[in-house]
Amino acid sequence: TELRQRSFVIDYFKKLGINTVNKDGYFYP
């Protein structure tokens, strides 16, 4: 995918309609 694990997860869920927020380094919906 040419994506690292963190960016992969963020991108995958964005395509499912889930935006994420970074709270002190922890990503949540």
mmCIF file of all heavy atoms, coordinates in Angstrom:
data_MODEL
# 
_entry.id   MODEL 
# 
loop_
_atom_site.group_PDB 
_atom_site.id 
_atom_site.type_symbol 
_atom_site.label_atom_id 
_atom_site.label_alt_id 
_atom_site.label_comp_id 
_atom_site.label_asym_id 
_atom_site.label_entity_id 
_atom_site.label_seq_id 
_atom_site.pdbx_PDB_ins_code 
_atom_site.Cartn_x 
_atom_site.Cartn_y 
_atom_site.Cartn_z 
_atom_site.occupancy 
_atom_site.B_iso_or_equiv 
_atom_site.pdbx_formal_charge 
_atom_site.auth_seq_id 
_atom_site.auth_comp_id 
_atom_site.auth_asym_id 
_atom_site.auth_atom_id 
_atom_site.pdbx_PDB_model_num 
ATOM 1   N N   . THR A 1 1  ? 0.794   -1.231 0.000  1.00 0.00 ? 1  THR A N   1 
ATOM 2   C CA  . THR A 1 1  ? 0.000   0.000  0.000  1.00 0.00 ? 1  THR A CA  1 
ATOM 3   C C   . THR A 1 1  ? 0.825   1.279  0.000  1.00 0.00 ? 1  THR A C   1 
ATOM 4   O O   . THR A 1 1  ? 0.273   2.367  -0.206 1.00 0.00 ? 1  THR A O   1 
ATOM 5   C CB  . THR A 1 1  ? -0.898  0.049  1.251  1.00 0.00 ? 1  THR A CB  1 
ATOM 6   O OG1 . THR A 1 1  ? -0.075  0.145  2.427  1.00 0.00 ? 1  THR A OG1 1 
ATOM 7   C CG2 . THR A 1 1  ? -1.764  -1.192 1.349  1.00 0.00 ? 1  THR A CG2 1 
ATOM 8   N N   . GLU A 1 2  ? 2.121   1.174  0.264  1.00 0.00 ? 2  GLU A N   1 
ATOM 9   C CA  . GLU A 1 2  ? 3.003   2.331  0.448  1.00 0.00 ? 2  GLU A CA  1 
ATOM 10  C C   . GLU A 1 2  ? 2.523   3.211  1.606  1.00 0.00 ? 2  GLU A C   1 
ATOM 11  O O   . GLU A 1 2  ? 2.717   4.426  1.612  1.00 0.00 ? 2  GLU A O   1 
ATOM 12  C CB  . GLU A 1 2  ? 3.131   3.151  -0.845 1.00 0.00 ? 2  GLU A CB  1 
ATOM 13  C CG  . GLU A 1 2  ? 3.828   2.390  -1.960 1.00 0.00 ? 2  GLU A CG  1 
ATOM 14  C CD  . GLU A 1 2  ? 4.126   3.250  -3.173 1.00 0.00 ? 2  GLU A CD  1 
ATOM 15  O OE1 . GLU A 1 2  ? 3.624   4.393  -3.218 1.00 0.00 ? 2  GLU A OE1 1 
ATOM 16  O OE2 . GLU A 1 2  ? 4.862   2.786  -4.064 1.00 0.00 ? 2  GLU A OE2 1 
ATOM 17  N N   . LEU A 1 3  ? 1.866   2.586  2.558  1.00 0.00 ? 3  LEU A N   1 
ATOM 18  C CA  . LEU A 1 3  ? 1.416   3.281  3.765  1.00 0.00 ? 3  LEU A CA  1 
ATOM 19  C C   . LEU A 1 3  ? 1.985   2.583  4.988  1.00 0.00 ? 3  LEU A C   1 
ATOM 20  O O   . LEU A 1 3  ? 2.015   1.350  5.050  1.00 0.00 ? 3  LEU A O   1 
ATOM 21  C CB  . LEU A 1 3  ? -0.112  3.293  3.860  1.00 0.00 ? 3  LEU A CB  1 
ATOM 22  C CG  . LEU A 1 3  ? -0.882  4.161  2.854  1.00 0.00 ? 3  LEU A CG  1 
ATOM 23  C CD1 . LEU A 1 3  ? -2.379  3.880  2.970  1.00 0.00 ? 3  LEU A CD1 1 
ATOM 24  C CD2 . LEU A 1 3  ? -0.599  5.629  3.093  1.00 0.00 ? 3  LEU A CD2 1 
ATOM 25  N N   . ARG A 1 4  ? 2.429   3.372  5.947  1.00 0.00 ? 4  ARG A N   1 
ATOM 26  C CA  . ARG A 1 4  ? 2.846   2.809  7.221  1.00 0.00 ? 4  ARG A CA  1 
ATOM 27  C C   . ARG A 1 4  ? 1.601   2.494  8.045  1.00 0.00 ? 4  ARG A C   1 
ATOM 28  O O   . ARG A 1 4  ? 0.500   2.985  7.763  1.00 0.00 ? 4  ARG A O   1 
ATOM 29  C CB  . ARG A 1 4  ? 3.747   3.793  7.976  1.00 0.00 ? 4  ARG A CB  1 
ATOM 30  C CG  . ARG A 1 4  ? 5.082   4.045  7.281  1.00 0.00 ? 4  ARG A CG  1 
ATOM 31  C CD  . ARG A 1 4  ? 5.899   2.778  7.165  1.00 0.00 ? 4  ARG A CD  1 
ATOM 32  N NE  . ARG A 1 4  ? 7.183   3.012  6.510  1.00 0.00 ? 4  ARG A NE  1 
ATOM 33  C CZ  . ARG A 1 4  ? 8.013   2.047  6.138  1.00 0.00 ? 4  ARG A CZ  1 
ATOM 34  N NH1 . ARG A 1 4  ? 7.685   0.778  6.344  1.00 0.00 ? 4  ARG A NH1 1 
ATOM 35  N NH2 . ARG A 1 4  ? 9.155   2.325  5.551  1.00 0.00 ? 4  ARG A NH2 1 
ATOM 36  N N   . GLN A 1 5  ? 1.784   1.699  9.086  1.00 0.00 ? 5  GLN A N   1 
ATOM 37  C CA  . GLN A 1 5  ? 0.644   1.167  9.817  1.00 0.00 ? 5  GLN A CA  1 
ATOM 38  C C   . GLN A 1 5  ? -0.304  2.244  10.342 1.00 0.00 ? 5  GLN A C   1 
ATOM 39  O O   . GLN A 1 5  ? -1.530  2.123  10.244 1.00 0.00 ? 5  GLN A O   1 
ATOM 40  C CB  . GLN A 1 5  ? 1.114   0.247  10.947 1.00 0.00 ? 5  GLN A CB  1 
ATOM 41  C CG  . GLN A 1 5  ? 2.068   0.846  11.944 1.00 0.00 ? 5  GLN A CG  1 
ATOM 42  C CD  . GLN A 1 5  ? 3.521   0.705  11.548 1.00 0.00 ? 5  GLN A CD  1 
ATOM 43  O OE1 . GLN A 1 5  ? 3.858   0.559  10.379 1.00 0.00 ? 5  GLN A OE1 1 
ATOM 44  N NE2 . GLN A 1 5  ? 4.421   0.757  12.518 1.00 0.00 ? 5  GLN A NE2 1 
ATOM 45  N N   . ARG A 1 6  ? 0.241   3.318  10.936 1.00 0.00 ? 6  ARG A N   1 
ATOM 46  C CA  . ARG A 1 6  ? -0.609  4.361  11.486 1.00 0.00 ? 6  ARG A CA  1 
ATOM 47  C C   . ARG A 1 6  ? -1.424  5.036  10.400 1.00 0.00 ? 6  ARG A C   1 
ATOM 48  O O   . ARG A 1 6  ? -2.643  5.185  10.494 1.00 0.00 ? 6  ARG A O   1 
ATOM 49  C CB  . ARG A 1 6  ? 0.223   5.403  12.229 1.00 0.00 ? 6  ARG A CB  1 
ATOM 50  C CG  . ARG A 1 6  ? -0.615  6.453  12.944 1.00 0.00 ? 6  ARG A CG  1 
ATOM 51  C CD  . ARG A 1 6  ? 0.119   7.770  13.102 1.00 0.00 ? 6  ARG A CD  1 
ATOM 52  N NE  . ARG A 1 6  ? 0.279   8.442  11.820 1.00 0.00 ? 6  ARG A NE  1 
ATOM 53  C CZ  . ARG A 1 6  ? 0.780   9.663  11.674 1.00 0.00 ? 6  ARG A CZ  1 
ATOM 54  N NH1 . ARG A 1 6  ? 1.198   10.334 12.730 1.00 0.00 ? 6  ARG A NH1 1 
ATOM 55  N NH2 . ARG A 1 6  ? 0.893   10.210 10.495 1.00 0.00 ? 6  ARG A NH2 1 
ATOM 56  N N   . SER A 1 7  ? -0.737  5.475  9.324  1.00 0.00 ? 7  SER A N   1 
ATOM 57  C CA  . SER A 1 7  ? -1.431  6.162  8.240  1.00 0.00 ? 7  SER A CA  1 
ATOM 58  C C   . SER A 1 7  ? -2.402  5.234  7.523  1.00 0.00 ? 7  SER A C   1 
ATOM 59  O O   . SER A 1 7  ? -3.454  5.672  7.038  1.00 0.00 ? 7  SER A O   1 
ATOM 60  C CB  . SER A 1 7  ? -0.428  6.761  7.250  1.00 0.00 ? 7  SER A CB  1 
ATOM 61  O OG  . SER A 1 7  ? 0.482   5.773  6.790  1.00 0.00 ? 7  SER A OG  1 
ATOM 62  N N   . PHE A 1 8  ? -2.083  3.939  7.478  1.00 0.00 ? 8  PHE A N   1 
ATOM 63  C CA  . PHE A 1 8  ? -2.991  2.973  6.871  1.00 0.00 ? 8  PHE A CA  1 
ATOM 64  C C   . PHE A 1 8  ? -4.312  2.932  7.633  1.00 0.00 ? 8  PHE A C   1 
ATOM 65  O O   . PHE A 1 8  ? -5.400  2.973  7.037  1.00 0.00 ? 8  PHE A O   1 
ATOM 66  C CB  . PHE A 1 8  ? -2.365  1.577  6.846  1.00 0.00 ? 8  PHE A CB  1 
ATOM 67  C CG  . PHE A 1 8  ? -3.362  0.481  6.561  1.00 0.00 ? 8  PHE A CG  1 
ATOM 68  C CD1 . PHE A 1 8  ? -3.776  0.226  5.260  1.00 0.00 ? 8  PHE A CD1 1 
ATOM 69  C CD2 . PHE A 1 8  ? -3.900  -0.271 7.595  1.00 0.00 ? 8  PHE A CD2 1 
ATOM 70  C CE1 . PHE A 1 8  ? -4.717  -0.761 4.992  1.00 0.00 ? 8  PHE A CE1 1 
ATOM 71  C CE2 . PHE A 1 8  ? -4.838  -1.266 7.339  1.00 0.00 ? 8  PHE A CE2 1 
ATOM 72  C CZ  . PHE A 1 8  ? -5.248  -1.509 6.036  1.00 0.00 ? 8  PHE A CZ  1 
ATOM 73  N N   . VAL A 1 9  ? -4.244  2.834  8.950  1.00 0.00 ? 9  VAL A N   1 
ATOM 74  C CA  . VAL A 1 9  ? -5.458  2.752  9.759  1.00 0.00 ? 9  VAL A CA  1 
ATOM 75  C C   . VAL A 1 9  ? -6.298  4.022  9.608  1.00 0.00 ? 9  VAL A C   1 
ATOM 76  O O   . VAL A 1 9  ? -7.521  3.969  9.428  1.00 0.00 ? 9  VAL A O   1 
ATOM 77  C CB  . VAL A 1 9  ? -5.108  2.511  11.242 1.00 0.00 ? 9  VAL A CB  1 
ATOM 78  C CG1 . VAL A 1 9  ? -6.344  2.640  12.124 1.00 0.00 ? 9  VAL A CG1 1 
ATOM 79  C CG2 . VAL A 1 9  ? -4.486  1.126  11.419 1.00 0.00 ? 9  VAL A CG2 1 
ATOM 80  N N   . ILE A 1 10 ? -5.642  5.172  9.682  1.00 0.00 ? 10 ILE A N   1 
ATOM 81  C CA  . ILE A 1 10 ? -6.352  6.447  9.550  1.00 0.00 ? 10 ILE A CA  1 
ATOM 82  C C   . ILE A 1 10 ? -7.030  6.536  8.189  1.00 0.00 ? 10 ILE A C   1 
ATOM 83  O O   . ILE A 1 10 ? -8.203  6.918  8.077  1.00 0.00 ? 10 ILE A O   1 
ATOM 84  C CB  . ILE A 1 10 ? -5.386  7.627  9.762  1.00 0.00 ? 10 ILE A CB  1 
ATOM 85  C CG1 . ILE A 1 10 ? -4.883  7.635  11.207 1.00 0.00 ? 10 ILE A CG1 1 
ATOM 86  C CG2 . ILE A 1 10 ? -6.070  8.951  9.428  1.00 0.00 ? 10 ILE A CG2 1 
ATOM 87  C CD1 . ILE A 1 10 ? -3.759  8.622  11.462 1.00 0.00 ? 10 ILE A CD1 1 
ATOM 88  N N   . ASP A 1 11 ? -6.301  6.159  7.136  1.00 0.00 ? 11 ASP A N   1 
ATOM 89  C CA  . ASP A 1 11 ? -6.830  6.216  5.780  1.00 0.00 ? 11 ASP A CA  1 
ATOM 90  C C   . ASP A 1 11 ? -7.959  5.204  5.583  1.00 0.00 ? 11 ASP A C   1 
ATOM 91  O O   . ASP A 1 11 ? -8.982  5.510  4.950  1.00 0.00 ? 11 ASP A O   1 
ATOM 92  C CB  . ASP A 1 11 ? -5.701  5.958  4.778  1.00 0.00 ? 11 ASP A CB  1 
ATOM 93  C CG  . ASP A 1 11 ? -6.159  6.029  3.341  1.00 0.00 ? 11 ASP A CG  1 
ATOM 94  O OD1 . ASP A 1 11 ? -6.496  7.139  2.894  1.00 0.00 ? 11 ASP A OD1 1 
ATOM 95  O OD2 . ASP A 1 11 ? -6.183  4.981  2.663  1.00 0.00 ? 11 ASP A OD2 1 
ATOM 96  N N   . TYR A 1 12 ? -7.780  4.016  6.114  1.00 0.00 ? 12 TYR A N   1 
ATOM 97  C CA  . TYR A 1 12 ? -8.777  2.948  5.939  1.00 0.00 ? 12 TYR A CA  1 
ATOM 98  C C   . TYR A 1 12 ? -10.119 3.366  6.529  1.00 0.00 ? 12 TYR A C   1 
ATOM 99  O O   . TYR A 1 12 ? -11.178 3.217  5.897  1.00 0.00 ? 12 TYR A O   1 
ATOM 100 C CB  . TYR A 1 12 ? -8.280  1.662  6.600  1.00 0.00 ? 12 TYR A CB  1 
ATOM 101 C CG  . TYR A 1 12 ? -9.101  0.443  6.243  1.00 0.00 ? 12 TYR A CG  1 
ATOM 102 C CD1 . TYR A 1 12 ? -8.836  -0.267 5.070  1.00 0.00 ? 12 TYR A CD1 1 
ATOM 103 C CD2 . TYR A 1 12 ? -10.122 -0.006 7.064  1.00 0.00 ? 12 TYR A CD2 1 
ATOM 104 C CE1 . TYR A 1 12 ? -9.576  -1.391 4.729  1.00 0.00 ? 12 TYR A CE1 1 
ATOM 105 C CE2 . TYR A 1 12 ? -10.877 -1.122 6.731  1.00 0.00 ? 12 TYR A CE2 1 
ATOM 106 C CZ  . TYR A 1 12 ? -10.598 -1.812 5.561  1.00 0.00 ? 12 TYR A CZ  1 
ATOM 107 O OH  . TYR A 1 12 ? -11.338 -2.909 5.212  1.00 0.00 ? 12 TYR A OH  1 
ATOM 108 N N   . PHE A 1 13 ? -10.072 3.902  7.743  1.00 0.00 ? 13 PHE A N   1 
ATOM 109 C CA  . PHE A 1 13 ? -11.329 4.267  8.386  1.00 0.00 ? 13 PHE A CA  1 
ATOM 110 C C   . PHE A 1 13 ? -11.920 5.561  7.833  1.00 0.00 ? 13 PHE A C   1 
ATOM 111 O O   . PHE A 1 13 ? -13.146 5.736  7.852  1.00 0.00 ? 13 PHE A O   1 
ATOM 112 C CB  . PHE A 1 13 ? -11.151 4.319  9.906  1.00 0.00 ? 13 PHE A CB  1 
ATOM 113 C CG  . PHE A 1 13 ? -11.202 2.954  10.517 1.00 0.00 ? 13 PHE A CG  1 
ATOM 114 C CD1 . PHE A 1 13 ? -10.031 2.251  10.756 1.00 0.00 ? 13 PHE A CD1 1 
ATOM 115 C CD2 . PHE A 1 13 ? -12.409 2.351  10.796 1.00 0.00 ? 13 PHE A CD2 1 
ATOM 116 C CE1 . PHE A 1 13 ? -10.074 0.967  11.268 1.00 0.00 ? 13 PHE A CE1 1 
ATOM 117 C CE2 . PHE A 1 13 ? -12.469 1.065  11.312 1.00 0.00 ? 13 PHE A CE2 1 
ATOM 118 C CZ  . PHE A 1 13 ? -11.302 0.375  11.553 1.00 0.00 ? 13 PHE A CZ  1 
ATOM 119 N N   . LYS A 1 14 ? -11.093 6.417  7.306  1.00 0.00 ? 14 LYS A N   1 
ATOM 120 C CA  . LYS A 1 14 ? -11.625 7.619  6.650  1.00 0.00 ? 14 LYS A CA  1 
ATOM 121 C C   . LYS A 1 14 ? -12.461 7.207  5.449  1.00 0.00 ? 14 LYS A C   1 
ATOM 122 O O   . LYS A 1 14 ? -13.520 7.796  5.183  1.00 0.00 ? 14 LYS A O   1 
ATOM 123 C CB  . LYS A 1 14 ? -10.489 8.545  6.225  1.00 0.00 ? 14 LYS A CB  1 
ATOM 124 C CG  . LYS A 1 14 ? -10.978 9.884  5.697  1.00 0.00 ? 14 LYS A CG  1 
ATOM 125 C CD  . LYS A 1 14 ? -9.830  10.850 5.480  1.00 0.00 ? 14 LYS A CD  1 
ATOM 126 C CE  . LYS A 1 14 ? -10.366 12.228 5.064  1.00 0.00 ? 14 LYS A CE  1 
ATOM 127 N NZ  . LYS A 1 14 ? -9.264  13.216 4.890  1.00 0.00 ? 14 LYS A NZ  1 
ATOM 128 N N   . LYS A 1 15 ? -12.007 6.184  4.721  1.00 0.00 ? 15 LYS A N   1 
ATOM 129 C CA  . LYS A 1 15 ? -12.757 5.692  3.572  1.00 0.00 ? 15 LYS A CA  1 
ATOM 130 C C   . LYS A 1 15 ? -14.046 4.984  3.997  1.00 0.00 ? 15 LYS A C   1 
ATOM 131 O O   . LYS A 1 15 ? -14.960 4.815  3.180  1.00 0.00 ? 15 LYS A O   1 
ATOM 132 C CB  . LYS A 1 15 ? -11.884 4.746  2.751  1.00 0.00 ? 15 LYS A CB  1 
ATOM 133 C CG  . LYS A 1 15 ? -10.741 5.455  2.032  1.00 0.00 ? 15 LYS A CG  1 
ATOM 134 C CD  . LYS A 1 15 ? -9.846  4.489  1.298  1.00 0.00 ? 15 LYS A CD  1 
ATOM 135 C CE  . LYS A 1 15 ? -8.715  5.228  0.582  1.00 0.00 ? 15 LYS A CE  1 
ATOM 136 N NZ  . LYS A 1 15 ? -7.769  4.305  -0.085 1.00 0.00 ? 15 LYS A NZ  1 
ATOM 137 N N   . LEU A 1 16 ? -14.121 4.585  5.262  1.00 0.00 ? 16 LEU A N   1 
ATOM 138 C CA  . LEU A 1 16 ? -15.351 3.985  5.787  1.00 0.00 ? 16 LEU A CA  1 
ATOM 139 C C   . LEU A 1 16 ? -16.261 5.044  6.419  1.00 0.00 ? 16 LEU A C   1 
ATOM 140 O O   . LEU A 1 16 ? -17.322 4.715  6.944  1.00 0.00 ? 16 LEU A O   1 
ATOM 141 C CB  . LEU A 1 16 ? -15.024 2.914  6.836  1.00 0.00 ? 16 LEU A CB  1 
ATOM 142 C CG  . LEU A 1 16 ? -14.276 1.663  6.367  1.00 0.00 ? 16 LEU A CG  1 
ATOM 143 C CD1 . LEU A 1 16 ? -14.121 0.678  7.517  1.00 0.00 ? 16 LEU A CD1 1 
ATOM 144 C CD2 . LEU A 1 16 ? -14.979 1.010  5.194  1.00 0.00 ? 16 LEU A CD2 1 
ATOM 145 N N   . GLY A 1 17 ? -15.824 6.309  6.370  1.00 0.00 ? 17 GLY A N   1 
ATOM 146 C CA  . GLY A 1 17 ? -16.640 7.388  6.926  1.00 0.00 ? 17 GLY A CA  1 
ATOM 147 C C   . GLY A 1 17 ? -16.297 7.766  8.344  1.00 0.00 ? 17 GLY A C   1 
ATOM 148 O O   . GLY A 1 17 ? -17.044 8.506  8.993  1.00 0.00 ? 17 GLY A O   1 
ATOM 149 N N   . ILE A 1 18 ? -15.146 7.292  8.845  1.00 0.00 ? 18 ILE A N   1 
ATOM 150 C CA  . ILE A 1 18 ? -14.724 7.593  10.213 1.00 0.00 ? 18 ILE A CA  1 
ATOM 151 C C   . ILE A 1 18 ? -13.507 8.515  10.192 1.00 0.00 ? 18 ILE A C   1 
ATOM 152 O O   . ILE A 1 18 ? -12.418 8.109  9.783  1.00 0.00 ? 18 ILE A O   1 
ATOM 153 C CB  . ILE A 1 18 ? -14.383 6.306  11.003 1.00 0.00 ? 18 ILE A CB  1 
ATOM 154 C CG1 . ILE A 1 18 ? -15.602 5.402  11.117 1.00 0.00 ? 18 ILE A CG1 1 
ATOM 155 C CG2 . ILE A 1 18 ? -13.837 6.647  12.387 1.00 0.00 ? 18 ILE A CG2 1 
ATOM 156 C CD1 . ILE A 1 18 ? -16.731 5.965  11.948 1.00 0.00 ? 18 ILE A CD1 1 
ATOM 157 N N   . ASN A 1 19 ? -13.691 9.750  10.611 1.00 0.00 ? 19 ASN A N   1 
ATOM 158 C CA  . ASN A 1 19 ? -12.561 10.654 10.799 1.00 0.00 ? 19 ASN A CA  1 
ATOM 159 C C   . ASN A 1 19 ? -11.959 10.407 12.176 1.00 0.00 ? 19 ASN A C   1 
ATOM 160 O O   . ASN A 1 19 ? -12.650 9.971  13.106 1.00 0.00 ? 19 ASN A O   1 
ATOM 161 C CB  . ASN A 1 19 ? -13.009 12.109 10.675 1.00 0.00 ? 19 ASN A CB  1 
ATOM 162 C CG  . ASN A 1 19 ? -13.389 12.463 9.255  1.00 0.00 ? 19 ASN A CG  1 
ATOM 163 O OD1 . ASN A 1 19 ? -12.625 12.205 8.325  1.00 0.00 ? 19 ASN A OD1 1 
ATOM 164 N ND2 . ASN A 1 19 ? -14.573 13.036 9.069  1.00 0.00 ? 19 ASN A ND2 1 
ATOM 165 N N   . THR A 1 20 ? -10.677 10.682 12.296 1.00 0.00 ? 20 THR A N   1 
ATOM 166 C CA  . THR A 1 20 ? -9.996  10.417 13.562 1.00 0.00 ? 20 THR A CA  1 
ATOM 167 C C   . THR A 1 20 ? -9.489  11.712 14.186 1.00 0.00 ? 20 THR A C   1 
ATOM 168 O O   . THR A 1 20 ? -9.314  12.724 13.505 1.00 0.00 ? 20 THR A O   1 
ATOM 169 C CB  . THR A 1 20 ? -8.805  9.462  13.356 1.00 0.00 ? 20 THR A CB  1 
ATOM 170 O OG1 . THR A 1 20 ? -7.937  9.995  12.344 1.00 0.00 ? 20 THR A OG1 1 
ATOM 171 C CG2 . THR A 1 20 ? -9.283  8.089  12.952 1.00 0.00 ? 20 THR A CG2 1 
ATOM 172 N N   . VAL A 1 21 ? -9.257  11.650 15.491 1.00 0.00 ? 21 VAL A N   1 
ATOM 173 C CA  . VAL A 1 21 ? -8.719  12.789 16.227 1.00 0.00 ? 21 VAL A CA  1 
ATOM 174 C C   . VAL A 1 21 ? -7.537  12.300 17.057 1.00 0.00 ? 21 VAL A C   1 
ATOM 175 O O   . VAL A 1 21 ? -7.569  11.193 17.611 1.00 0.00 ? 21 VAL A O   1 
ATOM 176 C CB  . VAL A 1 21 ? -9.800  13.430 17.133 1.00 0.00 ? 21 VAL A CB  1 
ATOM 177 C CG1 . VAL A 1 21 ? -10.360 12.429 18.126 1.00 0.00 ? 21 VAL A CG1 1 
ATOM 178 C CG2 . VAL A 1 21 ? -9.269  14.665 17.840 1.00 0.00 ? 21 VAL A CG2 1 
ATOM 179 N N   . ASN A 1 22 ? -6.483  13.105 17.119 1.00 0.00 ? 22 ASN A N   1 
ATOM 180 C CA  . ASN A 1 22 ? -5.270  12.757 17.849 1.00 0.00 ? 22 ASN A CA  1 
ATOM 181 C C   . ASN A 1 22 ? -5.332  13.361 19.242 1.00 0.00 ? 22 ASN A C   1 
ATOM 182 O O   . ASN A 1 22 ? -5.368  14.583 19.400 1.00 0.00 ? 22 ASN A O   1 
ATOM 183 C CB  . ASN A 1 22 ? -4.048  13.292 17.090 1.00 0.00 ? 22 ASN A CB  1 
ATOM 184 C CG  . ASN A 1 22 ? -2.730  12.857 17.713 1.00 0.00 ? 22 ASN A CG  1 
ATOM 185 O OD1 . ASN A 1 22 ? -2.658  12.519 18.886 1.00 0.00 ? 22 ASN A OD1 1 
ATOM 186 N ND2 . ASN A 1 22 ? -1.669  12.890 16.921 1.00 0.00 ? 22 ASN A ND2 1 
ATOM 187 N N   . LYS A 1 23 ? -5.374  12.501 20.251 1.00 0.00 ? 23 LYS A N   1 
ATOM 188 C CA  . LYS A 1 23 ? -5.367  12.929 21.643 1.00 0.00 ? 23 LYS A CA  1 
ATOM 189 C C   . LYS A 1 23 ? -4.064  12.467 22.292 1.00 0.00 ? 23 LYS A C   1 
ATOM 190 O O   . LYS A 1 23 ? -3.920  11.306 22.663 1.00 0.00 ? 23 LYS A O   1 
ATOM 191 C CB  . LYS A 1 23 ? -6.565  12.330 22.413 1.00 0.00 ? 23 LYS A CB  1 
ATOM 192 C CG  . LYS A 1 23 ? -7.929  12.796 21.914 1.00 0.00 ? 23 LYS A CG  1 
ATOM 193 C CD  . LYS A 1 23 ? -8.217  14.222 22.326 1.00 0.00 ? 23 LYS A CD  1 
ATOM 194 C CE  . LYS A 1 23 ? -9.655  14.620 21.995 1.00 0.00 ? 23 LYS A CE  1 
ATOM 195 N NZ  . LYS A 1 23 ? -9.947  16.015 22.373 1.00 0.00 ? 23 LYS A NZ  1 
ATOM 196 N N   . ASP A 1 24 ? -3.090  13.387 22.368 1.00 0.00 ? 24 ASP A N   1 
ATOM 197 C CA  . ASP A 1 24 ? -1.795  13.077 22.988 1.00 0.00 ? 24 ASP A CA  1 
ATOM 198 C C   . ASP A 1 24 ? -1.123  11.869 22.360 1.00 0.00 ? 24 ASP A C   1 
ATOM 199 O O   . ASP A 1 24 ? -0.500  11.052 23.049 1.00 0.00 ? 24 ASP A O   1 
ATOM 200 C CB  . ASP A 1 24 ? -1.964  12.865 24.499 1.00 0.00 ? 24 ASP A CB  1 
ATOM 201 C CG  . ASP A 1 24 ? -2.529  14.083 25.200 1.00 0.00 ? 24 ASP A CG  1 
ATOM 202 O OD1 . ASP A 1 24 ? -2.140  15.204 24.837 1.00 0.00 ? 24 ASP A OD1 1 
ATOM 203 O OD2 . ASP A 1 24 ? -3.382  13.910 26.096 1.00 0.00 ? 24 ASP A OD2 1 
ATOM 204 N N   . GLY A 1 25 ? -1.247  11.751 21.052 1.00 0.00 ? 25 GLY A N   1 
ATOM 205 C CA  . GLY A 1 25 ? -0.594  10.656 20.347 1.00 0.00 ? 25 GLY A CA  1 
ATOM 206 C C   . GLY A 1 25 ? -1.464  9.434  20.145 1.00 0.00 ? 25 GLY A C   1 
ATOM 207 O O   . GLY A 1 25 ? -1.084  8.509  19.430 1.00 0.00 ? 25 GLY A O   1 
ATOM 208 N N   . TYR A 1 26 ? -2.642  9.414  20.751 1.00 0.00 ? 26 TYR A N   1 
ATOM 209 C CA  . TYR A 1 26 ? -3.579  8.306  20.609 1.00 0.00 ? 26 TYR A CA  1 
ATOM 210 C C   . TYR A 1 26 ? -4.689  8.721  19.640 1.00 0.00 ? 26 TYR A C   1 
ATOM 211 O O   . TYR A 1 26 ? -5.321  9.762  19.830 1.00 0.00 ? 26 TYR A O   1 
ATOM 212 C CB  . TYR A 1 26 ? -4.181  7.921  21.959 1.00 0.00 ? 26 TYR A CB  1 
ATOM 213 C CG  . TYR A 1 26 ? -3.175  7.509  23.001 1.00 0.00 ? 26 TYR A CG  1 
ATOM 214 C CD1 . TYR A 1 26 ? -2.578  8.455  23.835 1.00 0.00 ? 26 TYR A CD1 1 
ATOM 215 C CD2 . TYR A 1 26 ? -2.810  6.177  23.150 1.00 0.00 ? 26 TYR A CD2 1 
ATOM 216 C CE1 . TYR A 1 26 ? -1.647  8.081  24.794 1.00 0.00 ? 26 TYR A CE1 1 
ATOM 217 C CE2 . TYR A 1 26 ? -1.883  5.786  24.107 1.00 0.00 ? 26 TYR A CE2 1 
ATOM 218 C CZ  . TYR A 1 26 ? -1.300  6.745  24.928 1.00 0.00 ? 26 TYR A CZ  1 
ATOM 219 O OH  . TYR A 1 26 ? -0.371  6.369  25.868 1.00 0.00 ? 26 TYR A OH  1 
ATOM 220 N N   . PHE A 1 27 ? -4.944  7.903  18.627 1.00 0.00 ? 27 PHE A N   1 
ATOM 221 C CA  . PHE A 1 27 ? -5.952  8.240  17.628 1.00 0.00 ? 27 PHE A CA  1 
ATOM 222 C C   . PHE A 1 27 ? -7.275  7.538  17.948 1.00 0.00 ? 27 PHE A C   1 
ATOM 223 O O   . PHE A 1 27 ? -7.319  6.319  18.121 1.00 0.00 ? 27 PHE A O   1 
ATOM 224 C CB  . PHE A 1 27 ? -5.479  7.837  16.236 1.00 0.00 ? 27 PHE A CB  1 
ATOM 225 C CG  . PHE A 1 27 ? -4.403  8.735  15.701 1.00 0.00 ? 27 PHE A CG  1 
ATOM 226 C CD1 . PHE A 1 27 ? -3.063  8.501  16.001 1.00 0.00 ? 27 PHE A CD1 1 
ATOM 227 C CD2 . PHE A 1 27 ? -4.724  9.822  14.901 1.00 0.00 ? 27 PHE A CD2 1 
ATOM 228 C CE1 . PHE A 1 27 ? -2.065  9.327  15.506 1.00 0.00 ? 27 PHE A CE1 1 
ATOM 229 C CE2 . PHE A 1 27 ? -3.737  10.661 14.403 1.00 0.00 ? 27 PHE A CE2 1 
ATOM 230 C CZ  . PHE A 1 27 ? -2.408  10.421 14.710 1.00 0.00 ? 27 PHE A CZ  1 
ATOM 231 N N   . TYR A 1 28 ? -8.329  8.343  17.977 1.00 0.00 ? 28 TYR A N   1 
ATOM 232 C CA  . TYR A 1 28 ? -9.679  7.862  18.246 1.00 0.00 ? 28 TYR A CA  1 
ATOM 233 C C   . TYR A 1 28 ? -10.609 8.309  17.120 1.00 0.00 ? 28 TYR A C   1 
ATOM 234 O O   . TYR A 1 28 ? -10.292 9.259  16.384 1.00 0.00 ? 28 TYR A O   1 
ATOM 235 C CB  . TYR A 1 28 ? -10.214 8.459  19.558 1.00 0.00 ? 28 TYR A CB  1 
ATOM 236 C CG  . TYR A 1 28 ? -9.428  8.126  20.789 1.00 0.00 ? 28 TYR A CG  1 
ATOM 237 C CD1 . TYR A 1 28 ? -8.391  8.957  21.222 1.00 0.00 ? 28 TYR A CD1 1 
ATOM 238 C CD2 . TYR A 1 28 ? -9.721  6.995  21.543 1.00 0.00 ? 28 TYR A CD2 1 
ATOM 239 C CE1 . TYR A 1 28 ? -7.663  8.660  22.366 1.00 0.00 ? 28 TYR A CE1 1 
ATOM 240 C CE2 . TYR A 1 28 ? -9.000  6.696  22.692 1.00 0.00 ? 28 TYR A CE2 1 
ATOM 241 C CZ  . TYR A 1 28 ? -7.974  7.524  23.102 1.00 0.00 ? 28 TYR A CZ  1 
ATOM 242 O OH  . TYR A 1 28 ? -7.261  7.233  24.231 1.00 0.00 ? 28 TYR A OH  1 
ATOM 243 N N   . PRO A 1 29 ? -11.779 7.661  16.994 1.00 0.00 ? 29 PRO A N   1 
ATOM 244 C CA  . PRO A 1 29 ? -12.774 8.229  16.079 1.00 0.00 ? 29 PRO A CA  1 
ATOM 245 C C   . PRO A 1 29 ? -13.190 9.599  16.605 1.00 0.00 ? 29 PRO A C   1 
ATOM 246 O O   . PRO A 1 29 ? -13.217 9.817  17.823 1.00 0.00 ? 29 PRO A O   1 
ATOM 247 C CB  . PRO A 1 29 ? -13.923 7.216  16.150 1.00 0.00 ? 29 PRO A CB  1 
ATOM 248 C CG  . PRO A 1 29 ? -13.743 6.513  17.458 1.00 0.00 ? 29 PRO A CG  1 
ATOM 249 C CD  . PRO A 1 29 ? -12.266 6.454  17.679 1.00 0.00 ? 29 PRO A CD  1 
# 
